[in-house]
Amino acid sequence: MDKKYTDFMDEISSDELYEGLLAYGFFAEKLPPVFTAVSFFKYCKTISEPFEAGWNEYITFRVMRNISIPRLMGIPNPFKYQRVCSELRDNWDKLRNHFHVQTDGQSYRVSRIHVRKEYAKSVSLR
């Protein structure tokens, strides 16, 4: 029997979700590996107070395209992104239960956004 969508989610602990999203999910995969949030993740593990709540704009910057036209790019505010990742971690059991209720009776489910654990990666966070 093939794995169901929720089976993949059940393989991920709340702490693994938090680390995966914050340390490795902040920047797009298409960027060179020089762009990483691993050190920010390490810093977030040491703080005792949560970052301030509230709204912030994206951090924007301009990059030059290869056709000499500037392009506006942006990344989320890292402190707000950490809060989102923290909320997902803290409510991961509720989220997984919700997906079980919504999809367990379905024989086939396709999702364009698929949370899964990548076993091939062996990254050390010393």
N, C-alpha and C. Protein backbone atom coordinates (compact mmCIF):
# COMPACT_ATOMS: atom_id res chain seq x y z
N MET A 1 0.85 -1.19 0.00
CA MET A 1 0.00 0.00 0.00
C MET A 1 0.89 1.24 0.00
N ASP A 2 0.53 2.19 -0.82
CA ASP A 2 1.30 3.42 -0.89
C ASP A 2 1.08 4.27 0.35
N LYS A 3 2.06 5.10 0.61
CA LYS A 3 1.94 6.01 1.75
C LYS A 3 0.91 7.09 1.44
N LYS A 4 0.18 7.47 2.46
CA LYS A 4 -0.75 8.58 2.33
C LYS A 4 -0.01 9.88 2.67
N TYR A 5 -0.61 10.97 2.28
CA TYR A 5 -0.03 12.29 2.53
C TYR A 5 0.29 12.48 4.01
N THR A 6 -0.61 12.07 4.86
CA THR A 6 -0.41 12.27 6.29
C THR A 6 0.70 11.39 6.86
N ASP A 7 0.98 10.27 6.21
CA ASP A 7 2.08 9.42 6.66
C ASP A 7 3.41 10.15 6.57
N PHE A 8 3.58 10.94 5.52
CA PHE A 8 4.80 11.72 5.38
C PHE A 8 4.90 12.78 6.48
N MET A 9 3.78 13.38 6.81
CA MET A 9 3.77 14.40 7.86
C MET A 9 4.07 13.80 9.23
N ASP A 10 3.61 12.56 9.44
CA ASP A 10 3.82 11.90 10.73
C ASP A 10 5.29 11.56 10.98
N GLU A 11 6.09 11.51 9.92
CA GLU A 11 7.52 11.21 10.07
C GLU A 11 8.31 12.41 10.60
N ILE A 12 7.70 13.57 10.63
CA ILE A 12 8.40 14.81 11.00
C ILE A 12 7.98 15.23 12.40
N SER A 13 8.95 15.39 13.29
CA SER A 13 8.65 15.89 14.63
C SER A 13 8.50 17.41 14.57
N SER A 14 7.95 17.98 15.60
CA SER A 14 7.78 19.44 15.63
C SER A 14 9.13 20.16 15.61
N ASP A 15 10.12 19.60 16.30
CA ASP A 15 11.45 20.23 16.30
C ASP A 15 12.13 20.12 14.93
N GLU A 16 11.94 18.99 14.25
CA GLU A 16 12.49 18.84 12.90
C GLU A 16 11.83 19.80 11.93
N LEU A 17 10.53 20.01 12.09
CA LEU A 17 9.82 20.97 11.25
C LEU A 17 10.38 22.37 11.46
N TYR A 18 10.56 22.75 12.72
CA TYR A 18 11.08 24.07 13.06
C TYR A 18 12.48 24.27 12.46
N GLU A 19 13.35 23.31 12.65
CA GLU A 19 14.71 23.42 12.12
C GLU A 19 14.70 23.46 10.59
N GLY A 20 13.92 22.60 9.99
CA GLY A 20 13.87 22.55 8.52
C GLY A 20 13.38 23.85 7.92
N LEU A 21 12.31 24.40 8.48
CA LEU A 21 11.78 25.65 7.94
C LEU A 21 12.69 26.84 8.21
N LEU A 22 13.20 26.92 9.43
CA LEU A 22 13.97 28.11 9.80
C LEU A 22 15.41 28.06 9.28
N ALA A 23 16.08 26.93 9.44
CA ALA A 23 17.49 26.86 9.04
C ALA A 23 17.66 26.65 7.55
N TYR A 24 16.74 25.92 6.92
CA TYR A 24 16.93 25.55 5.52
C TYR A 24 15.82 26.03 4.59
N GLY A 25 14.75 26.57 5.13
CA GLY A 25 13.63 26.99 4.29
C GLY A 25 13.47 28.48 4.14
N PHE A 26 14.39 29.25 4.69
CA PHE A 26 14.26 30.71 4.64
C PHE A 26 14.55 31.25 3.24
N PHE A 27 15.58 30.73 2.60
CA PHE A 27 15.97 31.17 1.26
C PHE A 27 15.52 30.13 0.24
N ALA A 28 15.26 30.57 -0.97
CA ALA A 28 14.85 29.66 -2.04
C ALA A 28 15.97 28.67 -2.35
N GLU A 29 15.60 27.48 -2.76
CA GLU A 29 16.58 26.45 -3.09
C GLU A 29 17.45 26.84 -4.28
N LYS A 30 16.96 27.75 -5.10
CA LYS A 30 17.69 28.14 -6.31
C LYS A 30 18.87 29.05 -6.02
N LEU A 31 18.93 29.60 -4.82
CA LEU A 31 20.05 30.47 -4.48
C LEU A 31 21.29 29.63 -4.19
N PRO A 32 22.46 30.20 -4.43
CA PRO A 32 23.69 29.47 -4.11
C PRO A 32 23.77 29.17 -2.60
N PRO A 33 24.48 28.12 -2.21
CA PRO A 33 24.53 27.74 -0.80
C PRO A 33 25.19 28.76 0.12
N VAL A 34 25.75 29.83 -0.44
CA VAL A 34 26.31 30.88 0.41
C VAL A 34 25.19 31.58 1.20
N PHE A 35 23.97 31.53 0.68
CA PHE A 35 22.83 32.12 1.38
C PHE A 35 22.23 31.05 2.27
N THR A 36 22.43 31.19 3.55
CA THR A 36 21.94 30.20 4.51
C THR A 36 21.43 30.90 5.76
N ALA A 37 20.52 30.23 6.44
CA ALA A 37 19.98 30.77 7.68
C ALA A 37 20.35 29.88 8.86
N VAL A 38 21.32 29.00 8.69
CA VAL A 38 21.71 28.08 9.75
C VAL A 38 22.22 28.84 10.98
N SER A 39 23.03 29.85 10.77
CA SER A 39 23.54 30.62 11.93
C SER A 39 22.40 31.37 12.63
N PHE A 40 21.41 31.83 11.88
CA PHE A 40 20.25 32.48 12.49
C PHE A 40 19.45 31.47 13.31
N PHE A 41 19.32 30.25 12.80
CA PHE A 41 18.64 29.19 13.55
C PHE A 41 19.36 28.91 14.86
N LYS A 42 20.68 28.82 14.80
CA LYS A 42 21.47 28.58 16.02
C LYS A 42 21.24 29.71 17.03
N TYR A 43 21.21 30.94 16.53
CA TYR A 43 20.96 32.09 17.41
C TYR A 43 19.57 31.97 18.04
N CYS A 44 18.57 31.62 17.26
CA CYS A 44 17.20 31.53 17.76
C CYS A 44 17.07 30.47 18.85
N LYS A 45 17.89 29.43 18.81
CA LYS A 45 17.86 28.41 19.86
C LYS A 45 18.37 28.94 21.19
N THR A 46 19.16 30.03 21.17
CA THR A 46 19.76 30.56 22.40
C THR A 46 18.93 31.65 23.07
N ILE A 47 17.95 32.23 22.37
CA ILE A 47 17.20 33.34 22.95
C ILE A 47 16.18 32.83 23.95
N SER A 48 15.93 33.63 24.96
CA SER A 48 14.95 33.23 25.97
C SER A 48 13.62 33.95 25.78
N GLU A 49 13.64 35.14 25.22
CA GLU A 49 12.42 35.91 24.97
C GLU A 49 12.05 35.79 23.50
N PRO A 50 10.75 35.64 23.19
CA PRO A 50 10.36 35.60 21.78
C PRO A 50 10.54 36.98 21.13
N PHE A 51 10.71 36.96 19.83
CA PHE A 51 10.82 38.23 19.11
C PHE A 51 9.49 38.96 19.16
N GLU A 52 9.55 40.27 19.00
CA GLU A 52 8.37 41.14 19.10
C GLU A 52 7.32 40.77 18.05
N ALA A 53 6.05 40.76 18.49
CA ALA A 53 4.95 40.49 17.56
C ALA A 53 4.61 41.77 16.81
N GLY A 54 3.89 41.62 15.73
CA GLY A 54 3.46 42.77 14.95
C GLY A 54 3.83 42.63 13.49
N TRP A 55 3.40 43.57 12.71
CA TRP A 55 3.58 43.53 11.26
C TRP A 55 4.88 44.19 10.85
N ASN A 56 5.55 43.60 9.89
CA ASN A 56 6.73 44.18 9.25
C ASN A 56 6.68 43.91 7.77
N GLU A 57 7.20 44.82 6.99
CA GLU A 57 7.30 44.63 5.55
C GLU A 57 8.42 43.64 5.25
N TYR A 58 8.37 43.12 4.03
CA TYR A 58 9.49 42.32 3.54
C TYR A 58 10.74 43.18 3.47
N ILE A 59 11.88 42.55 3.54
CA ILE A 59 13.15 43.23 3.32
C ILE A 59 13.40 43.17 1.83
N THR A 60 13.44 44.33 1.20
CA THR A 60 13.57 44.36 -0.26
C THR A 60 14.94 44.86 -0.67
N PHE A 61 15.34 44.43 -1.85
CA PHE A 61 16.61 44.87 -2.44
C PHE A 61 16.50 44.73 -3.95
N ARG A 62 17.35 45.43 -4.64
CA ARG A 62 17.34 45.38 -6.11
C ARG A 62 18.54 44.58 -6.61
N VAL A 63 18.29 43.76 -7.61
CA VAL A 63 19.37 43.03 -8.27
C VAL A 63 19.27 43.33 -9.77
N MET A 64 20.40 43.30 -10.41
CA MET A 64 20.43 43.58 -11.84
C MET A 64 20.25 42.29 -12.63
N ARG A 65 19.30 42.29 -13.52
CA ARG A 65 19.09 41.13 -14.41
C ARG A 65 20.19 41.11 -15.45
N ASN A 66 20.31 40.00 -16.15
CA ASN A 66 21.31 39.91 -17.18
C ASN A 66 20.96 40.73 -18.43
N ILE A 67 19.78 41.37 -18.43
CA ILE A 67 19.39 42.23 -19.54
C ILE A 67 19.46 43.71 -19.12
N SER A 68 20.20 43.97 -18.06
CA SER A 68 20.46 45.32 -17.54
C SER A 68 19.20 46.06 -17.07
N ILE A 69 18.25 45.31 -16.58
CA ILE A 69 17.05 45.90 -16.00
C ILE A 69 17.00 45.47 -14.55
N PRO A 70 16.88 46.44 -13.61
CA PRO A 70 16.83 46.04 -12.19
C PRO A 70 15.55 45.27 -11.86
N ARG A 71 15.68 44.38 -10.92
CA ARG A 71 14.56 43.58 -10.46
C ARG A 71 14.46 43.71 -8.95
N LEU A 72 13.26 43.98 -8.46
CA LEU A 72 13.02 44.10 -7.03
C LEU A 72 12.83 42.70 -6.44
N MET A 73 13.64 42.36 -5.44
CA MET A 73 13.57 41.06 -4.78
C MET A 73 13.26 41.31 -3.30
N GLY A 74 12.87 40.27 -2.60
CA GLY A 74 12.59 40.44 -1.19
C GLY A 74 12.67 39.13 -0.43
N ILE A 75 12.93 39.25 0.85
CA ILE A 75 12.90 38.11 1.76
C ILE A 75 12.05 38.53 2.95
N PRO A 76 11.44 37.57 3.64
CA PRO A 76 10.66 37.93 4.82
C PRO A 76 11.57 38.49 5.92
N ASN A 77 10.98 39.27 6.78
CA ASN A 77 11.72 39.73 7.96
C ASN A 77 12.09 38.50 8.77
N PRO A 78 13.38 38.26 9.04
CA PRO A 78 13.79 37.02 9.71
C PRO A 78 13.16 36.83 11.09
N PHE A 79 12.94 37.91 11.82
CA PHE A 79 12.37 37.79 13.16
C PHE A 79 10.90 37.38 13.10
N LYS A 80 10.19 37.89 12.11
CA LYS A 80 8.78 37.51 11.95
C LYS A 80 8.67 36.09 11.40
N TYR A 81 9.58 35.73 10.51
CA TYR A 81 9.60 34.38 9.96
C TYR A 81 9.87 33.36 11.08
N GLN A 82 10.73 33.71 12.02
CA GLN A 82 11.00 32.82 13.15
C GLN A 82 9.74 32.63 13.97
N ARG A 83 8.96 33.68 14.14
CA ARG A 83 7.72 33.57 14.91
C ARG A 83 6.73 32.64 14.21
N VAL A 84 6.65 32.73 12.88
CA VAL A 84 5.77 31.84 12.13
C VAL A 84 6.22 30.39 12.30
N CYS A 85 7.52 30.15 12.15
CA CYS A 85 8.06 28.80 12.31
C CYS A 85 7.82 28.27 13.72
N SER A 86 7.94 29.14 14.70
CA SER A 86 7.70 28.75 16.08
C SER A 86 6.23 28.38 16.31
N GLU A 87 5.31 29.14 15.74
CA GLU A 87 3.88 28.84 15.86
C GLU A 87 3.55 27.51 15.19
N LEU A 88 4.15 27.26 14.02
CA LEU A 88 3.93 25.98 13.35
C LEU A 88 4.45 24.83 14.20
N ARG A 89 5.64 25.01 14.78
CA ARG A 89 6.22 23.97 15.66
C ARG A 89 5.30 23.71 16.85
N ASP A 90 4.84 24.78 17.49
CA ASP A 90 4.04 24.64 18.70
C ASP A 90 2.65 24.03 18.43
N ASN A 91 2.17 24.14 17.19
CA ASN A 91 0.85 23.62 16.84
C ASN A 91 0.92 22.46 15.85
N TRP A 92 2.10 21.85 15.69
CA TRP A 92 2.30 20.81 14.71
C TRP A 92 1.37 19.61 14.93
N ASP A 93 1.15 19.21 16.18
CA ASP A 93 0.26 18.08 16.45
C ASP A 93 -1.17 18.40 16.00
N LYS A 94 -1.62 19.61 16.25
CA LYS A 94 -2.97 20.02 15.82
C LYS A 94 -3.07 20.05 14.30
N LEU A 95 -2.03 20.54 13.64
CA LEU A 95 -2.03 20.60 12.18
C LEU A 95 -2.05 19.20 11.57
N ARG A 96 -1.23 18.31 12.11
CA ARG A 96 -1.22 16.94 11.60
C ARG A 96 -2.57 16.27 11.81
N ASN A 97 -3.18 16.48 12.96
CA ASN A 97 -4.51 15.91 13.23
C ASN A 97 -5.53 16.46 12.24
N HIS A 98 -5.47 17.75 11.95
CA HIS A 98 -6.39 18.35 10.98
C HIS A 98 -6.23 17.69 9.60
N PHE A 99 -4.98 17.48 9.16
CA PHE A 99 -4.76 16.84 7.87
C PHE A 99 -5.25 15.39 7.87
N HIS A 100 -5.10 14.70 9.00
CA HIS A 100 -5.62 13.33 9.10
C HIS A 100 -7.14 13.34 8.91
N VAL A 101 -7.81 14.22 9.62
CA VAL A 101 -9.27 14.30 9.53
C VAL A 101 -9.71 14.63 8.11
N GLN A 102 -9.01 15.53 7.45
CA GLN A 102 -9.43 15.99 6.12
C GLN A 102 -9.06 15.04 4.99
N THR A 103 -8.01 14.23 5.14
CA THR A 103 -7.52 13.46 3.99
C THR A 103 -7.45 11.96 4.20
N ASP A 104 -7.64 11.43 5.40
CA ASP A 104 -7.47 9.99 5.62
C ASP A 104 -8.43 9.13 4.81
N GLY A 105 -9.63 9.59 4.57
CA GLY A 105 -10.60 8.80 3.82
C GLY A 105 -10.39 8.83 2.32
N GLN A 106 -9.46 9.60 1.85
CA GLN A 106 -9.23 9.74 0.42
C GLN A 106 -8.20 8.73 -0.06
N SER A 107 -8.50 8.08 -1.17
CA SER A 107 -7.58 7.07 -1.68
C SER A 107 -6.41 7.70 -2.43
N TYR A 108 -6.58 8.86 -2.97
CA TYR A 108 -5.52 9.49 -3.75
C TYR A 108 -5.54 10.98 -3.48
N ARG A 109 -4.41 11.52 -3.13
CA ARG A 109 -4.35 12.95 -2.81
C ARG A 109 -3.09 13.53 -3.41
N VAL A 110 -3.26 14.58 -4.20
CA VAL A 110 -2.13 15.27 -4.80
C VAL A 110 -2.05 16.65 -4.18
N SER A 111 -0.88 17.02 -3.73
CA SER A 111 -0.68 18.34 -3.16
C SER A 111 0.55 18.96 -3.80
N ARG A 112 0.44 20.19 -4.21
CA ARG A 112 1.60 20.89 -4.78
C ARG A 112 2.56 21.31 -3.68
N ILE A 113 2.05 21.47 -2.48
CA ILE A 113 2.90 21.77 -1.33
C ILE A 113 2.95 20.51 -0.49
N HIS A 114 4.09 19.89 -0.47
CA HIS A 114 4.19 18.60 0.19
C HIS A 114 5.30 18.66 1.24
N VAL A 115 4.92 18.58 2.50
CA VAL A 115 5.88 18.56 3.59
C VAL A 115 6.39 17.14 3.72
N ARG A 116 7.70 16.98 3.60
CA ARG A 116 8.27 15.65 3.73
C ARG A 116 9.66 15.75 4.34
N LYS A 117 10.06 14.67 4.93
CA LYS A 117 11.38 14.59 5.54
C LYS A 117 12.37 14.11 4.49
N GLU A 118 13.50 14.79 4.37
CA GLU A 118 14.52 14.39 3.42
C GLU A 118 15.60 13.63 4.17
N TYR A 119 15.67 12.34 3.95
CA TYR A 119 16.60 11.49 4.66
C TYR A 119 18.01 11.55 4.10
N ALA A 120 18.14 11.90 2.84
CA ALA A 120 19.47 11.88 2.18
C ALA A 120 20.38 12.98 2.69
N LYS A 121 19.83 14.03 3.24
CA LYS A 121 20.65 15.14 3.72
C LYS A 121 21.20 14.82 5.10
N SER A 122 22.49 14.94 5.24
CA SER A 122 23.11 14.77 6.55
C SER A 122 23.89 16.04 6.84
N VAL A 123 23.24 16.97 7.48
CA VAL A 123 23.82 18.27 7.78
C VAL A 123 24.07 18.36 9.27
N SER A 124 25.23 18.79 9.64
CA SER A 124 25.59 18.93 11.04
C SER A 124 25.42 20.39 11.47
N LEU A 125 24.74 20.60 12.56
CA LEU A 125 24.54 21.95 13.10
C LEU A 125 25.37 22.12 14.36
N ARG A 126 26.63 22.05 14.24
CA ARG A 126 27.49 22.17 15.43
C ARG A 126 27.30 23.46 16.13
